[in-house]
């Protein structure tokens, strides 16, 4: 599994009144993340039923690329230190794409 692509689904429930702050920070997180070697994509989605729920859909070439992302300065300073305190809840699911043709 180490050399297989990894897709990340992260669901963020944002505290009331903090959505714009999180989106502003996410702009820079996305910019720096898509520039990382091994990043396949970094997409941000918003729930139709709750504007304060964001779902991040990220793709990495392999576990090494994901580990590098999570060790990066921008992940630590922007996500962990600045965004996480603005969240009510956070769930992260790591997946491997399946070819079921």
PDB file of N, CA and C in Angstrom:
ATOM      1  N   UNK A   1       0.807  -1.208   0.000  1.00  0.00           N
ATOM      2  CA  UNK A   1       0.000   0.000   0.000  1.00  0.00           C
ATOM      3  C   UNK A   1       0.843   1.263   0.000  1.00  0.00           C
ATOM      4  N   UNK A   2       2.114   1.152   0.310  1.00  0.00           N
ATOM      5  CA  UNK A   2       2.946   2.339   0.416  1.00  0.00           C
ATOM      6  C   UNK A   2       3.052   3.082  -0.911  1.00  0.00           C
ATOM      7  N   UNK A   3       3.005   2.382  -2.025  1.00  0.00           N
ATOM      8  CA  UNK A   3       3.163   3.029  -3.322  1.00  0.00           C
ATOM      9  C   UNK A   3       1.847   3.283  -4.035  1.00  0.00           C
ATOM     10  N   UNK A   4       0.735   3.102  -3.347  1.00  0.00           N
ATOM     11  CA  UNK A   4      -0.570   3.362  -3.941  1.00  0.00           C
ATOM     12  C   UNK A   4      -1.018   4.777  -3.615  1.00  0.00           C
ATOM     13  N   UNK A   5      -1.796   5.341  -4.522  1.00  0.00           N
ATOM     14  CA  UNK A   5      -2.361   6.664  -4.275  1.00  0.00           C
ATOM     15  C   UNK A   5      -3.241   6.635  -3.032  1.00  0.00           C
ATOM     16  N   UNK A   6      -3.245   7.739  -2.323  1.00  0.00           N
ATOM     17  CA  UNK A   6      -4.085   7.889  -1.134  1.00  0.00           C
ATOM     18  C   UNK A   6      -4.975   9.101  -1.345  1.00  0.00           C
ATOM     19  N   UNK A   7      -6.275   8.899  -1.144  1.00  0.00           N
ATOM     20  CA  UNK A   7      -7.229  10.002  -1.182  1.00  0.00           C
ATOM     21  C   UNK A   7      -7.689  10.279   0.240  1.00  0.00           C
ATOM     22  N   UNK A   8      -7.783  11.552   0.558  1.00  0.00           N
ATOM     23  CA  UNK A   8      -8.172  11.988   1.897  1.00  0.00           C
ATOM     24  C   UNK A   8      -9.516  12.695   1.801  1.00  0.00           C
ATOM     25  N   UNK A   9     -10.453  12.282   2.662  1.00  0.00           N
ATOM     26  CA  UNK A   9     -11.715  12.989   2.832  1.00  0.00           C
ATOM     27  C   UNK A   9     -11.701  13.557   4.244  1.00  0.00           C
ATOM     28  N   UNK A  10     -11.644  14.873   4.351  1.00  0.00           N
ATOM     29  CA  UNK A  10     -11.636  15.518   5.663  1.00  0.00           C
ATOM     30  C   UNK A  10     -12.905  16.345   5.791  1.00  0.00           C
ATOM     31  N   UNK A  11     -13.707  16.048   6.803  1.00  0.00           N
ATOM     32  CA  UNK A  11     -14.929  16.800   7.056  1.00  0.00           C
ATOM     33  C   UNK A  11     -14.678  17.743   8.213  1.00  0.00           C
ATOM     34  N   UNK A  12     -14.886  19.010   7.960  1.00  0.00           N
ATOM     35  CA  UNK A  12     -14.684  20.040   8.976  1.00  0.00           C
ATOM     36  C   UNK A  12     -16.010  20.700   9.304  1.00  0.00           C
ATOM     37  N   UNK A  13     -16.376  20.689  10.568  1.00  0.00           N
ATOM     38  CA  UNK A  13     -17.535  21.430  11.054  1.00  0.00           C
ATOM     39  C   UNK A  13     -16.981  22.705  11.686  1.00  0.00           C
ATOM     40  N   UNK A  14     -17.261  23.833  11.066  1.00  0.00           N
ATOM     41  CA  UNK A  14     -16.681  25.103  11.482  1.00  0.00           C
ATOM     42  C   UNK A  14     -17.568  25.773  12.525  1.00  0.00           C
ATOM     43  N   UNK A  15     -16.917  26.377  13.514  1.00  0.00           N
ATOM     44  CA  UNK A  15     -17.648  27.102  14.553  1.00  0.00           C
ATOM     45  C   UNK A  15     -18.403  28.269  13.922  1.00  0.00           C
ATOM     46  N   UNK A  16     -19.573  28.587  14.501  1.00  0.00           N
ATOM     47  CA  UNK A  16     -20.370  29.711  14.009  1.00  0.00           C
ATOM     48  C   UNK A  16     -19.525  30.979  13.958  1.00  0.00           C
ATOM     49  N   UNK A  17     -19.666  31.713  12.869  1.00  0.00           N
ATOM     50  CA  UNK A  17     -18.970  32.977  12.706  1.00  0.00           C
ATOM     51  C   UNK A  17     -17.535  32.868  12.227  1.00  0.00           C
ATOM     52  N   UNK A  18     -17.051  31.655  11.960  1.00  0.00           N
ATOM     53  CA  UNK A  18     -15.648  31.469  11.583  1.00  0.00           C
ATOM     54  C   UNK A  18     -15.444  31.004  10.138  1.00  0.00           C
ATOM     55  N   UNK A  19     -16.532  30.853   9.385  1.00  0.00           N
ATOM     56  CA  UNK A  19     -16.417  30.307   8.031  1.00  0.00           C
ATOM     57  C   UNK A  19     -15.472  31.132   7.157  1.00  0.00           C
ATOM     58  N   UNK A  20     -15.653  32.437   7.115  1.00  0.00           N
ATOM     59  CA  UNK A  20     -14.819  33.257   6.238  1.00  0.00           C
ATOM     60  C   UNK A  20     -13.352  33.202   6.647  1.00  0.00           C
ATOM     61  N   UNK A  21     -13.084  33.177   7.943  1.00  0.00           N
ATOM     62  CA  UNK A  21     -11.699  33.053   8.410  1.00  0.00           C
ATOM     63  C   UNK A  21     -11.071  31.751   7.921  1.00  0.00           C
ATOM     64  N   UNK A  22     -11.822  30.658   8.032  1.00  0.00           N
ATOM     65  CA  UNK A  22     -11.313  29.357   7.582  1.00  0.00           C
ATOM     66  C   UNK A  22     -11.089  29.364   6.069  1.00  0.00           C
ATOM     67  N   UNK A  23     -12.036  29.907   5.319  1.00  0.00           N
ATOM     68  CA  UNK A  23     -11.890  29.946   3.861  1.00  0.00           C
ATOM     69  C   UNK A  23     -10.681  30.786   3.444  1.00  0.00           C
ATOM     70  N   UNK A  24     -10.457  31.894   4.131  1.00  0.00           N
ATOM     71  CA  UNK A  24      -9.290  32.729   3.824  1.00  0.00           C
ATOM     72  C   UNK A  24      -7.997  31.954   4.046  1.00  0.00           C
ATOM     73  N   UNK A  25      -7.904  31.231   5.145  1.00  0.00           N
ATOM     74  CA  UNK A  25      -6.715  30.425   5.428  1.00  0.00           C
ATOM     75  C   UNK A  25      -6.583  29.271   4.438  1.00  0.00           C
ATOM     76  N   UNK A  26      -7.714  28.660   4.081  1.00  0.00           N
ATOM     77  CA  UNK A  26      -7.688  27.525   3.148  1.00  0.00           C
ATOM     78  C   UNK A  26      -7.177  27.911   1.766  1.00  0.00           C
ATOM     79  N   UNK A  27      -7.382  29.149   1.378  1.00  0.00           N
ATOM     80  CA  UNK A  27      -6.868  29.608   0.089  1.00  0.00           C
ATOM     81  C   UNK A  27      -5.359  29.408   0.017  1.00  0.00           C
ATOM     82  N   UNK A  28      -4.662  29.787   1.084  1.00  0.00           N
ATOM     83  CA  UNK A  28      -3.204  29.628   1.126  1.00  0.00           C
ATOM     84  C   UNK A  28      -2.809  28.164   1.312  1.00  0.00           C
ATOM     85  N   UNK A  29      -3.565  27.435   2.137  1.00  0.00           N
ATOM     86  CA  UNK A  29      -3.274  26.006   2.333  1.00  0.00           C
ATOM     87  C   UNK A  29      -3.348  25.283   0.992  1.00  0.00           C
ATOM     88  N   UNK A  30      -4.405  25.531   0.246  1.00  0.00           N
ATOM     89  CA  UNK A  30      -4.579  24.865  -1.050  1.00  0.00           C
ATOM     90  C   UNK A  30      -3.448  25.240  -2.004  1.00  0.00           C
ATOM     91  N   UNK A  31      -3.133  26.524  -2.080  1.00  0.00           N
ATOM     92  CA  UNK A  31      -2.074  27.000  -2.974  1.00  0.00           C
ATOM     93  C   UNK A  31      -0.755  26.280  -2.692  1.00  0.00           C
ATOM     94  N   UNK A  32      -0.397  26.182  -1.425  1.00  0.00           N
ATOM     95  CA  UNK A  32       0.869  25.538  -1.077  1.00  0.00           C
ATOM     96  C   UNK A  32       0.794  24.019  -1.218  1.00  0.00           C
ATOM     97  N   UNK A  33      -0.367  23.446  -0.945  1.00  0.00           N
ATOM     98  CA  UNK A  33      -0.517  21.987  -1.033  1.00  0.00           C
ATOM     99  C   UNK A  33      -0.420  21.489  -2.463  1.00  0.00           C
ATOM    100  N   UNK A  34      -1.053  22.186  -3.403  1.00  0.00           N
ATOM    101  CA  UNK A  34      -1.015  21.706  -4.789  1.00  0.00           C
ATOM    102  C   UNK A  34       0.377  21.879  -5.409  1.00  0.00           C
ATOM    103  N   UNK A  35       1.225  22.680  -4.771  1.00  0.00           N
ATOM    104  CA  UNK A  35       2.605  22.845  -5.252  1.00  0.00           C
ATOM    105  C   UNK A  35       3.534  21.745  -4.734  1.00  0.00           C
ATOM    106  N   UNK A  36       3.054  20.940  -3.788  1.00  0.00           N
ATOM    107  CA  UNK A  36       3.878  19.874  -3.214  1.00  0.00           C
ATOM    108  C   UNK A  36       4.110  18.755  -4.231  1.00  0.00           C
ATOM    109  N   UNK A  37       5.316  18.218  -4.216  1.00  0.00           N
ATOM    110  CA  UNK A  37       5.593  17.045  -5.032  1.00  0.00           C
ATOM    111  C   UNK A  37       4.753  15.886  -4.491  1.00  0.00           C
ATOM    112  N   UNK A  38       4.061  15.200  -5.361  1.00  0.00           N
ATOM    113  CA  UNK A  38       3.239  14.075  -4.929  1.00  0.00           C
ATOM    114  C   UNK A  38       1.789  14.430  -4.659  1.00  0.00           C
ATOM    115  N   UNK A  39       1.445  15.726  -4.689  1.00  0.00           N
ATOM    116  CA  UNK A  39       0.040  16.105  -4.539  1.00  0.00           C
ATOM    117  C   UNK A  39      -0.643  15.922  -5.888  1.00  0.00           C
ATOM    118  N   UNK A  40      -1.780  15.239  -5.879  1.00  0.00           N
ATOM    119  CA  UNK A  40      -2.541  15.007  -7.105  1.00  0.00           C
ATOM    120  C   UNK A  40      -3.649  16.034  -7.280  1.00  0.00           C
ATOM    121  N   UNK A  41      -4.265  16.443  -6.182  1.00  0.00           N
ATOM    122  CA  UNK A  41      -5.327  17.456  -6.192  1.00  0.00           C
ATOM    123  C   UNK A  41      -5.654  17.852  -4.758  1.00  0.00           C
ATOM    124  N   UNK A  42      -6.315  18.991  -4.614  1.00  0.00           N
ATOM    125  CA  UNK A  42      -6.741  19.480  -3.300  1.00  0.00           C
ATOM    126  C   UNK A  42      -8.002  20.298  -3.542  1.00  0.00           C
ATOM    127  N   UNK A  43      -9.151  19.697  -3.314  1.00  0.00           N
ATOM    128  CA  UNK A  43     -10.432  20.335  -3.600  1.00  0.00           C
ATOM    129  C   UNK A  43     -11.206  20.574  -2.311  1.00  0.00           C
ATOM    130  N   UNK A  44     -11.900  21.700  -2.269  1.00  0.00           N
ATOM    131  CA  UNK A  44     -12.694  22.062  -1.094  1.00  0.00           C
ATOM    132  C   UNK A  44     -14.154  22.134  -1.524  1.00  0.00           C
ATOM    133  N   UNK A  45     -15.020  21.443  -0.779  1.00  0.00           N
ATOM    134  CA  UNK A  45     -16.451  21.411  -1.065  1.00  0.00           C
ATOM    135  C   UNK A  45     -17.225  21.901   0.153  1.00  0.00           C
ATOM    136  N   UNK A  46     -18.403  22.477  -0.107  1.00  0.00           N
ATOM    137  CA  UNK A  46     -19.256  22.974   0.974  1.00  0.00           C
ATOM    138  C   UNK A  46     -20.591  22.239   0.928  1.00  0.00           C
ATOM    139  N   UNK A  47     -21.077  21.865   2.096  1.00  0.00           N
ATOM    140  CA  UNK A  47     -22.352  21.163   2.202  1.00  0.00           C
ATOM    141  C   UNK A  47     -23.500  22.034   1.689  1.00  0.00           C
ATOM    142  N   UNK A  48     -24.459  21.409   1.029  1.00  0.00           N
ATOM    143  CA  UNK A  48     -25.668  22.114   0.594  1.00  0.00           C
ATOM    144  C   UNK A  48     -26.579  22.424   1.771  1.00  0.00           C
ATOM    145  N   UNK A  49     -26.534  21.611   2.808  1.00  0.00           N
ATOM    146  CA  UNK A  49     -27.468  21.762   3.925  1.00  0.00           C
ATOM    147  C   UNK A  49     -26.901  22.513   5.117  1.00  0.00           C
ATOM    148  N   UNK A  50     -25.580  22.666   5.186  1.00  0.00           N
ATOM    149  CA  UNK A  50     -24.955  23.380   6.302  1.00  0.00           C
ATOM    150  C   UNK A  50     -23.704  24.080   5.794  1.00  0.00           C
ATOM    151  N   UNK A  51     -23.781  25.388   5.629  1.00  0.00           N
ATOM    152  CA  UNK A  51     -22.662  26.159   5.076  1.00  0.00           C
ATOM    153  C   UNK A  51     -21.401  26.037   5.918  1.00  0.00           C
ATOM    154  N   UNK A  52     -21.535  25.712   7.187  1.00  0.00           N
ATOM    155  CA  UNK A  52     -20.378  25.578   8.072  1.00  0.00           C
ATOM    156  C   UNK A  52     -19.719  24.202   7.990  1.00  0.00           C
ATOM    157  N   UNK A  53     -20.167  23.365   7.073  1.00  0.00           N
ATOM    158  CA  UNK A  53     -19.539  22.056   6.878  1.00  0.00           C
ATOM    159  C   UNK A  53     -18.783  22.057   5.558  1.00  0.00           C
ATOM    160  N   UNK A  54     -17.476  21.853   5.668  1.00  0.00           N
ATOM    161  CA  UNK A  54     -16.624  21.749   4.489  1.00  0.00           C
ATOM    162  C   UNK A  54     -16.088  20.329   4.394  1.00  0.00           C
ATOM    163  N   UNK A  55     -15.953  19.855   3.160  1.00  0.00           N
ATOM    164  CA  UNK A  55     -15.333  18.557   2.924  1.00  0.00           C
ATOM    165  C   UNK A  55     -14.148  18.790   2.001  1.00  0.00           C
ATOM    166  N   UNK A  56     -12.980  18.441   2.494  1.00  0.00           N
ATOM    167  CA  UNK A  56     -11.762  18.550   1.704  1.00  0.00           C
ATOM    168  C   UNK A  56     -11.511  17.193   1.060  1.00  0.00           C
ATOM    169  N   UNK A  57     -11.236  17.204  -0.227  1.00  0.00           N
ATOM    170  CA  UNK A  57     -10.944  15.988  -0.979  1.00  0.00           C
ATOM    171  C   UNK A  57      -9.548  16.170  -1.556  1.00  0.00           C
ATOM    172  N   UNK A  58      -8.594  15.413  -1.028  1.00  0.00           N
ATOM    173  CA  UNK A  58      -7.190  15.571  -1.387  1.00  0.00           C
ATOM    174  C   UNK A  58      -6.653  14.263  -1.954  1.00  0.00           C
ATOM    175  N   UNK A  59      -5.727  14.372  -2.873  1.00  0.00           N
ATOM    176  CA  UNK A  59      -5.096  13.189  -3.431  1.00  0.00           C
ATOM    177  C   UNK A  59      -3.587  13.287  -3.353  1.00  0.00           C
ATOM    178  N   UNK A  60      -2.961  12.181  -2.980  1.00  0.00           N
ATOM    179  CA  UNK A  60      -1.505  12.106  -2.866  1.00  0.00           C
ATOM    180  C   UNK A  60      -1.018  10.863  -3.594  1.00  0.00           C
ATOM    181  N   UNK A  61       0.142  10.963  -4.205  1.00  0.00           N
ATOM    182  CA  UNK A  61       0.679   9.867  -5.014  1.00  0.00           C
ATOM    183  C   UNK A  61       0.912   8.606  -4.198  1.00  0.00           C
ATOM    184  N   UNK A  62       1.298   8.777  -2.931  1.00  0.00           N
ATOM    185  CA  UNK A  62       1.589   7.631  -2.071  1.00  0.00           C
ATOM    186  C   UNK A  62       1.698   8.098  -0.619  1.00  0.00           C
ATOM    187  N   UNK A  63       2.002   7.168   0.274  1.00  0.00           N
ATOM    188  CA  UNK A  63       2.097   7.487   1.698  1.00  0.00           C
ATOM    189  C   UNK A  63       3.198   8.503   1.975  1.00  0.00           C
ATOM    190  N   UNK A  64       4.304   8.411   1.247  1.00  0.00           N
ATOM    191  CA  UNK A  64       5.392   9.371   1.444  1.00  0.00           C
ATOM    192  C   UNK A  64       4.937  10.795   1.138  1.00  0.00           C
ATOM    193  N   UNK A  65       4.150  10.961   0.088  1.00  0.00           N
ATOM    194  CA  UNK A  65       3.644  12.287  -0.273  1.00  0.00           C
ATOM    195  C   UNK A  65       2.679  12.808   0.793  1.00  0.00           C
ATOM    196  N   UNK A  66       1.823  11.924   1.309  1.00  0.00           N
ATOM    197  CA  UNK A  66       0.906  12.331   2.377  1.00  0.00           C
ATOM    198  C   UNK A  66       1.680  12.706   3.635  1.00  0.00           C
ATOM    199  N   UNK A  67       2.669  11.900   3.992  1.00  0.00           N
ATOM    200  CA  UNK A  67       3.487  12.199   5.175  1.00  0.00           C
ATOM    201  C   UNK A  67       4.218  13.529   5.015  1.00  0.00           C
ATOM    202  N   UNK A  68       4.736  13.793   3.821  1.00  0.00           N
ATOM    203  CA  UNK A  68       5.423  15.063   3.567  1.00  0.00           C
ATOM    204  C   UNK A  68       4.459  16.230   3.722  1.00  0.00           C
ATOM    205  N   UNK A  69       3.228  16.059   3.238  1.00  0.00           N
ATOM    206  CA  UNK A  69       2.210  17.110   3.384  1.00  0.00           C
ATOM    207  C   UNK A  69       1.941  17.392   4.859  1.00  0.00           C
ATOM    208  N   UNK A  70       1.727  16.342   5.615  1.00  0.00           N
ATOM    209  CA  UNK A  70       1.407  16.510   7.036  1.00  0.00           C
ATOM    210  C   UNK A  70       2.586  17.038   7.851  1.00  0.00           C
ATOM    211  N   UNK A  71       3.784  16.912   7.332  1.00  0.00           N
ATOM    212  CA  UNK A  71       4.982  17.420   8.011  1.00  0.00           C
ATOM    213  C   UNK A  71       5.363  18.826   7.553  1.00  0.00           C
ATOM    214  N   UNK A  72       4.672  19.323   6.544  1.00  0.00           N
ATOM    215  CA  UNK A  72       5.044  20.619   5.963  1.00  0.00           C
ATOM    216  C   UNK A  72       4.770  21.765   6.933  1.00  0.00           C
ATOM    217  N   UNK A  73       5.522  22.823   6.757  1.00  0.00           N
ATOM    218  CA  UNK A  73       5.350  24.014   7.593  1.00  0.00           C
ATOM    219  C   UNK A  73       3.959  24.603   7.421  1.00  0.00           C
ATOM    220  N   UNK A  74       3.467  24.673   6.182  1.00  0.00           N
ATOM    221  CA  UNK A  74       2.148  25.286   5.984  1.00  0.00           C
ATOM    222  C   UNK A  74       1.038  24.448   6.616  1.00  0.00           C
ATOM    223  N   UNK A  75       1.158  23.126   6.606  1.00  0.00           N
ATOM    224  CA  UNK A  75       0.138  22.302   7.264  1.00  0.00           C
ATOM    225  C   UNK A  75       0.152  22.561   8.765  1.00  0.00           C
ATOM    226  N   UNK A  76       1.338  22.570   9.344  1.00  0.00           N
ATOM    227  CA  UNK A  76       1.453  22.764  10.795  1.00  0.00           C
ATOM    228  C   UNK A  76       0.995  24.153  11.224  1.00  0.00           C
ATOM    229  N   UNK A  77       1.431  25.193  10.508  1.00  0.00           N
ATOM    230  CA  UNK A  77       1.102  26.553  10.949  1.00  0.00           C
ATOM    231  C   UNK A  77      -0.301  26.990  10.554  1.00  0.00           C
ATOM    232  N   UNK A  78      -0.725  26.673   9.339  1.00  0.00           N
ATOM    233  CA  UNK A  78      -2.038  27.124   8.889  1.00  0.00           C
ATOM    234  C   UNK A  78      -3.167  26.206   9.344  1.00  0.00           C
ATOM    235  N   UNK A  79      -3.003  24.909   9.145  1.00  0.00           N
ATOM    236  CA  UNK A  79      -4.087  23.982   9.496  1.00  0.00           C
ATOM    237  C   UNK A  79      -4.105  23.701  10.997  1.00  0.00           C
ATOM    238  N   UNK A  80      -3.033  23.140  11.511  1.00  0.00           N
ATOM    239  CA  UNK A  80      -3.023  22.698  12.910  1.00  0.00           C
ATOM    240  C   UNK A  80      -3.125  23.871  13.885  1.00  0.00           C
ATOM    241  N   UNK A  81      -2.326  24.901  13.663  1.00  0.00           N
ATOM    242  CA  UNK A  81      -2.282  25.999  14.630  1.00  0.00           C
ATOM    243  C   UNK A  81      -3.384  27.035  14.449  1.00  0.00           C
ATOM    244  N   UNK A  82      -3.800  27.303  13.196  1.00  0.00           N
ATOM    245  CA  UNK A  82      -4.761  28.383  12.969  1.00  0.00           C
ATOM    246  C   UNK A  82      -6.174  27.917  12.635  1.00  0.00           C
ATOM    247  N   UNK A  83      -6.315  26.881  11.819  1.00  0.00           N
ATOM    248  CA  UNK A  83      -7.660  26.455  11.417  1.00  0.00           C
ATOM    249  C   UNK A  83      -8.303  25.549  12.452  1.00  0.00           C
ATOM    250  N   UNK A  84      -7.593  24.547  12.941  1.00  0.00           N
ATOM    251  CA  UNK A  84      -8.198  23.582  13.876  1.00  0.00           C
ATOM    252  C   UNK A  84      -8.883  24.268  15.067  1.00  0.00           C
ATOM    253  N   UNK A  85      -8.317  25.326  15.653  1.00  0.00           N
ATOM    254  CA  UNK A  85      -9.028  25.986  16.757  1.00  0.00           C
ATOM    255  C   UNK A  85     -10.365  26.630  16.345  1.00  0.00           C
ATOM    256  N   UNK A  86     -10.581  26.827  15.048  1.00  0.00           N
ATOM    257  CA  UNK A  86     -11.824  27.419  14.551  1.00  0.00           C
ATOM    258  C   UNK A  86     -12.875  26.361  14.217  1.00  0.00           C
ATOM    259  N   UNK A  87     -12.527  25.094  14.433  1.00  0.00           N
ATOM    260  CA  UNK A  87     -13.430  23.995  14.096  1.00  0.00           C
ATOM    261  C   UNK A  87     -14.136  23.462  15.329  1.00  0.00           C
ATOM    262  N   UNK A  88     -15.390  23.107  15.125  1.00  0.00           N
ATOM    263  CA  UNK A  88     -16.181  22.446  16.164  1.00  0.00           C
ATOM    264  C   UNK A  88     -15.875  20.953  16.170  1.00  0.00           C
ATOM    265  N   UNK A  89     -15.667  20.398  14.973  1.00  0.00           N
ATOM    266  CA  UNK A  89     -15.367  18.967  14.838  1.00  0.00           C
ATOM    267  C   UNK A  89     -14.565  18.765  13.557  1.00  0.00           C
ATOM    268  N   UNK A  90     -13.816  17.662  13.550  1.00  0.00           N
ATOM    269  CA  UNK A  90     -12.972  17.341  12.391  1.00  0.00           C
ATOM    270  C   UNK A  90     -12.855  15.827  12.287  1.00  0.00           C
ATOM    271  N   UNK A  91     -13.134  15.303  11.097  1.00  0.00           N
ATOM    272  CA  UNK A  91     -12.980  13.870  10.853  1.00  0.00           C
ATOM    273  C   UNK A  91     -12.178  13.687   9.576  1.00  0.00           C
ATOM    274  N   UNK A  92     -11.179  12.832   9.626  1.00  0.00           N
ATOM    275  CA  UNK A  92     -10.327  12.579   8.465  1.00  0.00           C
ATOM    276  C   UNK A  92     -10.365  11.087   8.153  1.00  0.00           C
ATOM    277  N   UNK A  93     -10.659  10.766   6.892  1.00  0.00           N
ATOM    278  CA  UNK A  93     -10.698   9.378   6.442  1.00  0.00           C
ATOM    279  C   UNK A  93      -9.713   9.231   5.287  1.00  0.00           C
ATOM    280  N   UNK A  94      -8.770   8.299   5.440  1.00  0.00           N
ATOM    281  CA  UNK A  94      -7.818   7.990   4.377  1.00  0.00           C
ATOM    282  C   UNK A  94      -8.364   6.825   3.567  1.00  0.00           C
ATOM    283  N   UNK A  95      -8.297   6.946   2.247  1.00  0.00           N
ATOM    284  CA  UNK A  95      -8.837   5.900   1.382  1.00  0.00           C
ATOM    285  C   UNK A  95      -7.854   5.567   0.265  1.00  0.00           C
ATOM    286  N   UNK A  96      -8.052   4.407  -0.319  1.00  0.00           N
ATOM    287  CA  UNK A  96      -7.319   3.998  -1.512  1.00  0.00           C
ATOM    288  C   UNK A  96      -8.338   3.833  -2.627  1.00  0.00           C
ATOM    289  N   UNK A  97      -8.133   4.503  -3.757  1.00  0.00           N
ATOM    290  CA  UNK A  97      -9.071   4.345  -4.864  1.00  0.00           C
ATOM    291  C   UNK A  97      -9.099   2.889  -5.337  1.00  0.00           C
ATOM    292  N   UNK A  98     -10.286   2.388  -5.605  1.00  0.00           N
ATOM    293  CA  UNK A  98     -10.449   1.020  -6.093  1.00  0.00           C
ATOM    294  C   UNK A  98     -10.827   1.033  -7.566  1.00  0.00           C
ATOM    295  N   UNK A  99     -10.280   0.122  -8.310  1.00  0.00           N
ATOM    296  CA  UNK A  99     -10.663  -0.060  -9.699  1.00  0.00           C
ATOM    297  C   UNK A  99     -11.630  -1.234  -9.728  1.00  0.00           C
ATOM    298  N   UNK A 100     -12.908  -0.958  -9.889  1.00  0.00           N
ATOM    299  CA  UNK A 100     -13.910  -2.030  -9.828  1.00  0.00           C
ATOM    300  C   UNK A 100     -14.560  -2.292 -11.185  1.00  0.00           C
ATOM    301  N   UNK A 101     -13.860  -1.933 -12.252  1.00  0.00           N
ATOM    302  CA  UNK A 101     -14.394  -2.181 -13.602  1.00  0.00           C
ATOM    303  C   UNK A 101     -14.512  -3.652 -13.875  1.00  0.00           C
TER     304      UNK A 101
END
